[in-house]
Amino acid sequence: MPETIRINFVTGAVRQYVPEIEAISELPALVAAATDERNPAWMREPRDADWSPARVVGHLIAYTWQSRENLYRMAYMMDPIIKSTDDDGANETHQWESQSREALLELLETGIAEVTHLLKELPDASWGRPGQHPEDGRRSIKQQARAMRAHFDEHLAQLAKMA
C-alpha cells in the first residue's frame, strides 16, 4: 500500500483521492476471481446478449484503454470530449474470444496499472478538471474515475450471472 498513499507536500495531508485509486487498482483481481476455475470453453460460449465471458473481459480491456486516454485528456486539455469505447472495432481487432483467460487478464492488469499510475500522479487540484461526456454531460476526473469503477461493477455482476 505505500505506493498508493502519497503526501501532499503543500499541506502535509495524505492525498484525498486514494480510495478512488485503490478501488480501480483492485479491478483486475475482481475480474480474475469472477472468471476463476472455469474451463476455456466457458470463456468463449455466448451467454448474455450474445456476449461470452471473454467478450465481456475484452470489453473491459477496451473500456480501460479508452478510460486511460480520456483521463489523460481531461488532465491535460481544456474540457475535452470524453470518447466512448468502440466495442465492435476492438473486438474485431483483438478477437477477444480467441485469446486465453490469462492473456486477457494480463492485458486488463496492464491497462489498469496505466490508469492508476496516471491517477496517482495527479495533484488533488486536478481531480476537478472537467470533460464533456456525450450522454452524461460535464463531469470531473473524480466523477469519471468513480464511473469507471461503477461500470466494472456492472460487468462483474454480469459475469457472476454467467457462472
Protein backbone atom coordinates (compact mmCIF):
# COMPACT_ATOMS: atom_id res chain seq x y z
CA MET A 1 0.00 0.00 0.00
CA PRO A 2 2.80 2.55 0.49
CA GLU A 3 2.85 3.12 -3.26
CA THR A 4 -0.76 4.37 -3.26
CA ILE A 5 -0.52 6.57 -0.17
CA ARG A 6 1.07 9.85 -1.13
CA ILE A 7 1.57 13.01 0.84
CA ASN A 8 0.56 16.42 -0.44
CA PHE A 9 3.79 18.35 0.11
CA VAL A 10 1.99 21.68 0.28
CA THR A 11 -0.42 20.76 3.09
CA GLY A 12 1.28 17.68 4.55
CA ALA A 13 -2.02 15.80 4.31
CA VAL A 14 -2.50 12.33 2.89
CA ARG A 15 -3.79 12.51 -0.67
CA GLN A 16 -7.55 12.91 -0.82
CA TYR A 17 -8.33 10.55 -3.70
CA VAL A 18 -6.51 7.41 -2.57
CA PRO A 19 -9.83 5.48 -2.12
CA GLU A 20 -10.78 6.07 -5.76
CA ILE A 21 -7.35 4.90 -6.94
CA GLU A 22 -7.46 1.81 -4.73
CA ALA A 23 -11.00 0.96 -5.92
CA ILE A 24 -9.74 0.95 -9.51
CA SER A 25 -6.49 -0.88 -8.74
CA GLU A 26 -8.36 -3.90 -7.35
CA LEU A 27 -10.41 -4.43 -10.53
CA PRO A 28 -8.11 -6.98 -12.24
CA ALA A 29 -8.23 -9.22 -9.16
CA LEU A 30 -12.03 -9.00 -9.08
CA VAL A 31 -12.31 -9.92 -12.76
CA ALA A 32 -9.83 -12.79 -12.25
CA ALA A 33 -11.94 -14.09 -9.35
CA ALA A 34 -15.13 -13.83 -11.42
CA THR A 35 -13.60 -15.96 -14.19
CA ASP A 36 -11.55 -18.31 -11.98
CA GLU A 37 -11.70 -22.10 -12.23
CA ARG A 38 -13.61 -22.08 -15.48
CA ASN A 39 -12.72 -24.22 -18.44
CA PRO A 40 -11.59 -22.48 -21.64
CA ALA A 41 -14.87 -23.33 -23.40
CA TRP A 42 -16.85 -21.43 -20.72
CA MET A 43 -14.91 -18.26 -21.52
CA ARG A 44 -15.86 -18.45 -25.21
CA GLU A 45 -19.52 -19.52 -25.07
CA PRO A 46 -22.02 -16.68 -25.60
CA ARG A 47 -24.20 -16.42 -22.51
CA ASP A 48 -25.65 -12.94 -22.07
CA ALA A 49 -26.97 -10.93 -25.02
CA ASP A 50 -24.65 -12.92 -27.30
CA TRP A 51 -21.57 -11.95 -25.31
CA SER A 52 -19.28 -14.60 -23.89
CA PRO A 53 -17.30 -14.06 -20.69
CA ALA A 54 -14.21 -13.49 -22.87
CA ARG A 55 -16.08 -10.79 -24.79
CA VAL A 56 -17.10 -9.12 -21.51
CA VAL A 57 -13.49 -9.13 -20.29
CA GLY A 58 -12.38 -7.86 -23.70
CA HIS A 59 -14.90 -5.05 -23.45
CA LEU A 60 -13.46 -4.15 -20.04
CA ILE A 61 -9.96 -4.06 -21.55
CA ALA A 62 -11.08 -1.76 -24.37
CA TYR A 63 -13.02 0.36 -21.87
CA THR A 64 -9.90 0.61 -19.68
CA TRP A 65 -7.77 1.71 -22.62
CA GLN A 66 -10.34 4.34 -23.59
CA SER A 67 -10.70 5.47 -19.98
CA ARG A 68 -6.94 5.96 -19.71
CA GLU A 69 -6.98 8.13 -22.83
CA ASN A 70 -9.99 10.08 -21.58
CA LEU A 71 -8.48 10.67 -18.14
CA TYR A 72 -5.20 11.78 -19.70
CA ARG A 73 -7.03 14.20 -22.00
CA MET A 74 -9.06 15.53 -19.06
CA ALA A 75 -5.87 16.04 -17.04
CA TYR A 76 -4.06 17.99 -19.74
CA MET A 77 -6.67 19.52 -22.07
CA MET A 78 -9.36 22.10 -21.53
CA ASP A 79 -12.77 20.44 -21.29
CA PRO A 80 -12.19 17.62 -23.84
CA ILE A 81 -14.86 15.31 -25.21
CA ILE A 82 -14.95 12.01 -23.31
CA LYS A 83 -14.86 9.38 -26.03
CA SER A 84 -16.91 6.19 -25.93
CA THR A 85 -15.43 2.73 -26.35
CA ASP A 86 -15.68 1.18 -29.82
CA ASP A 87 -16.61 -2.35 -28.69
CA ASP A 88 -17.12 -3.81 -32.15
CA GLY A 89 -13.91 -2.32 -33.50
CA ALA A 90 -11.88 -3.51 -30.51
CA ASN A 91 -13.38 -6.99 -30.76
CA GLU A 92 -12.66 -7.15 -34.48
CA THR A 93 -9.06 -6.04 -33.94
CA HIS A 94 -8.26 -8.13 -30.88
CA GLN A 95 -10.55 -11.15 -31.29
CA TRP A 96 -11.20 -11.40 -27.55
CA GLU A 97 -12.78 -14.86 -27.74
CA SER A 98 -9.68 -16.34 -29.37
CA GLN A 99 -7.43 -15.23 -26.50
CA SER A 100 -6.79 -17.20 -23.34
CA ARG A 101 -8.15 -16.08 -19.99
CA GLU A 102 -4.57 -15.46 -18.83
CA ALA A 103 -3.78 -13.26 -21.84
CA LEU A 104 -6.96 -11.24 -21.31
CA LEU A 105 -6.25 -10.77 -17.61
CA GLU A 106 -2.70 -9.65 -18.39
CA LEU A 107 -3.98 -7.01 -20.82
CA LEU A 108 -6.52 -5.85 -18.24
CA GLU A 109 -3.93 -5.69 -15.48
CA THR A 110 -1.56 -3.66 -17.65
CA GLY A 111 -4.32 -1.25 -18.65
CA ILE A 112 -5.50 -0.75 -15.07
CA ALA A 113 -1.88 -0.19 -13.97
CA GLU A 114 -1.60 2.60 -16.55
CA VAL A 115 -4.82 4.21 -15.30
CA THR A 116 -3.79 4.03 -11.65
CA HIS A 117 -0.32 5.38 -12.44
CA LEU A 118 -1.89 8.37 -14.17
CA LEU A 119 -4.29 8.98 -11.27
CA LYS A 120 -1.51 8.64 -8.67
CA GLU A 121 0.47 11.38 -10.40
CA LEU A 122 -2.43 13.86 -10.44
CA PRO A 123 -2.39 16.53 -7.77
CA ASP A 124 -5.61 16.77 -5.78
CA ALA A 125 -6.50 20.03 -7.51
CA SER A 126 -6.58 18.29 -10.90
CA TRP A 127 -9.31 15.84 -9.88
CA GLY A 128 -11.89 18.57 -10.53
CA ARG A 129 -10.81 19.10 -14.16
CA PRO A 130 -13.79 18.55 -16.47
CA GLY A 131 -14.56 16.73 -19.67
CA GLN A 132 -17.74 16.52 -21.72
CA HIS A 133 -19.43 13.11 -21.69
CA PRO A 134 -21.69 12.68 -24.75
CA GLU A 135 -24.59 11.28 -22.70
CA ASP A 136 -23.99 12.46 -19.13
CA GLY A 137 -22.73 15.97 -19.83
CA ARG A 138 -19.89 17.63 -17.99
CA ARG A 139 -18.06 15.52 -15.44
CA SER A 140 -14.83 15.76 -13.48
CA ILE A 141 -11.90 13.35 -13.33
CA LYS A 142 -13.21 12.28 -9.93
CA GLN A 143 -16.64 11.51 -11.40
CA GLN A 144 -15.06 9.73 -14.37
CA ALA A 145 -12.92 7.55 -12.08
CA ARG A 146 -15.98 6.65 -9.99
CA ALA A 147 -17.98 5.94 -13.16
CA MET A 148 -15.20 3.60 -14.31
CA ARG A 149 -15.49 1.60 -11.10
CA ALA A 150 -19.30 1.52 -11.39
CA HIS A 151 -19.05 0.31 -15.00
CA PHE A 152 -16.78 -2.52 -13.93
CA ASP A 153 -19.17 -3.42 -11.10
CA GLU A 154 -22.00 -3.79 -13.64
CA HIS A 155 -19.92 -6.18 -15.73
CA LEU A 156 -18.71 -8.09 -12.67
CA ALA A 157 -22.38 -8.72 -11.85
CA GLN A 158 -22.91 -9.81 -15.48
CA LEU A 159 -20.01 -12.29 -15.17
CA ALA A 160 -21.46 -13.62 -11.91
CA LYS A 161 -24.78 -14.34 -13.68
CA MET A 162 -22.92 -16.22 -16.41
CA ALA A 163 -21.32 -18.61 -13.89
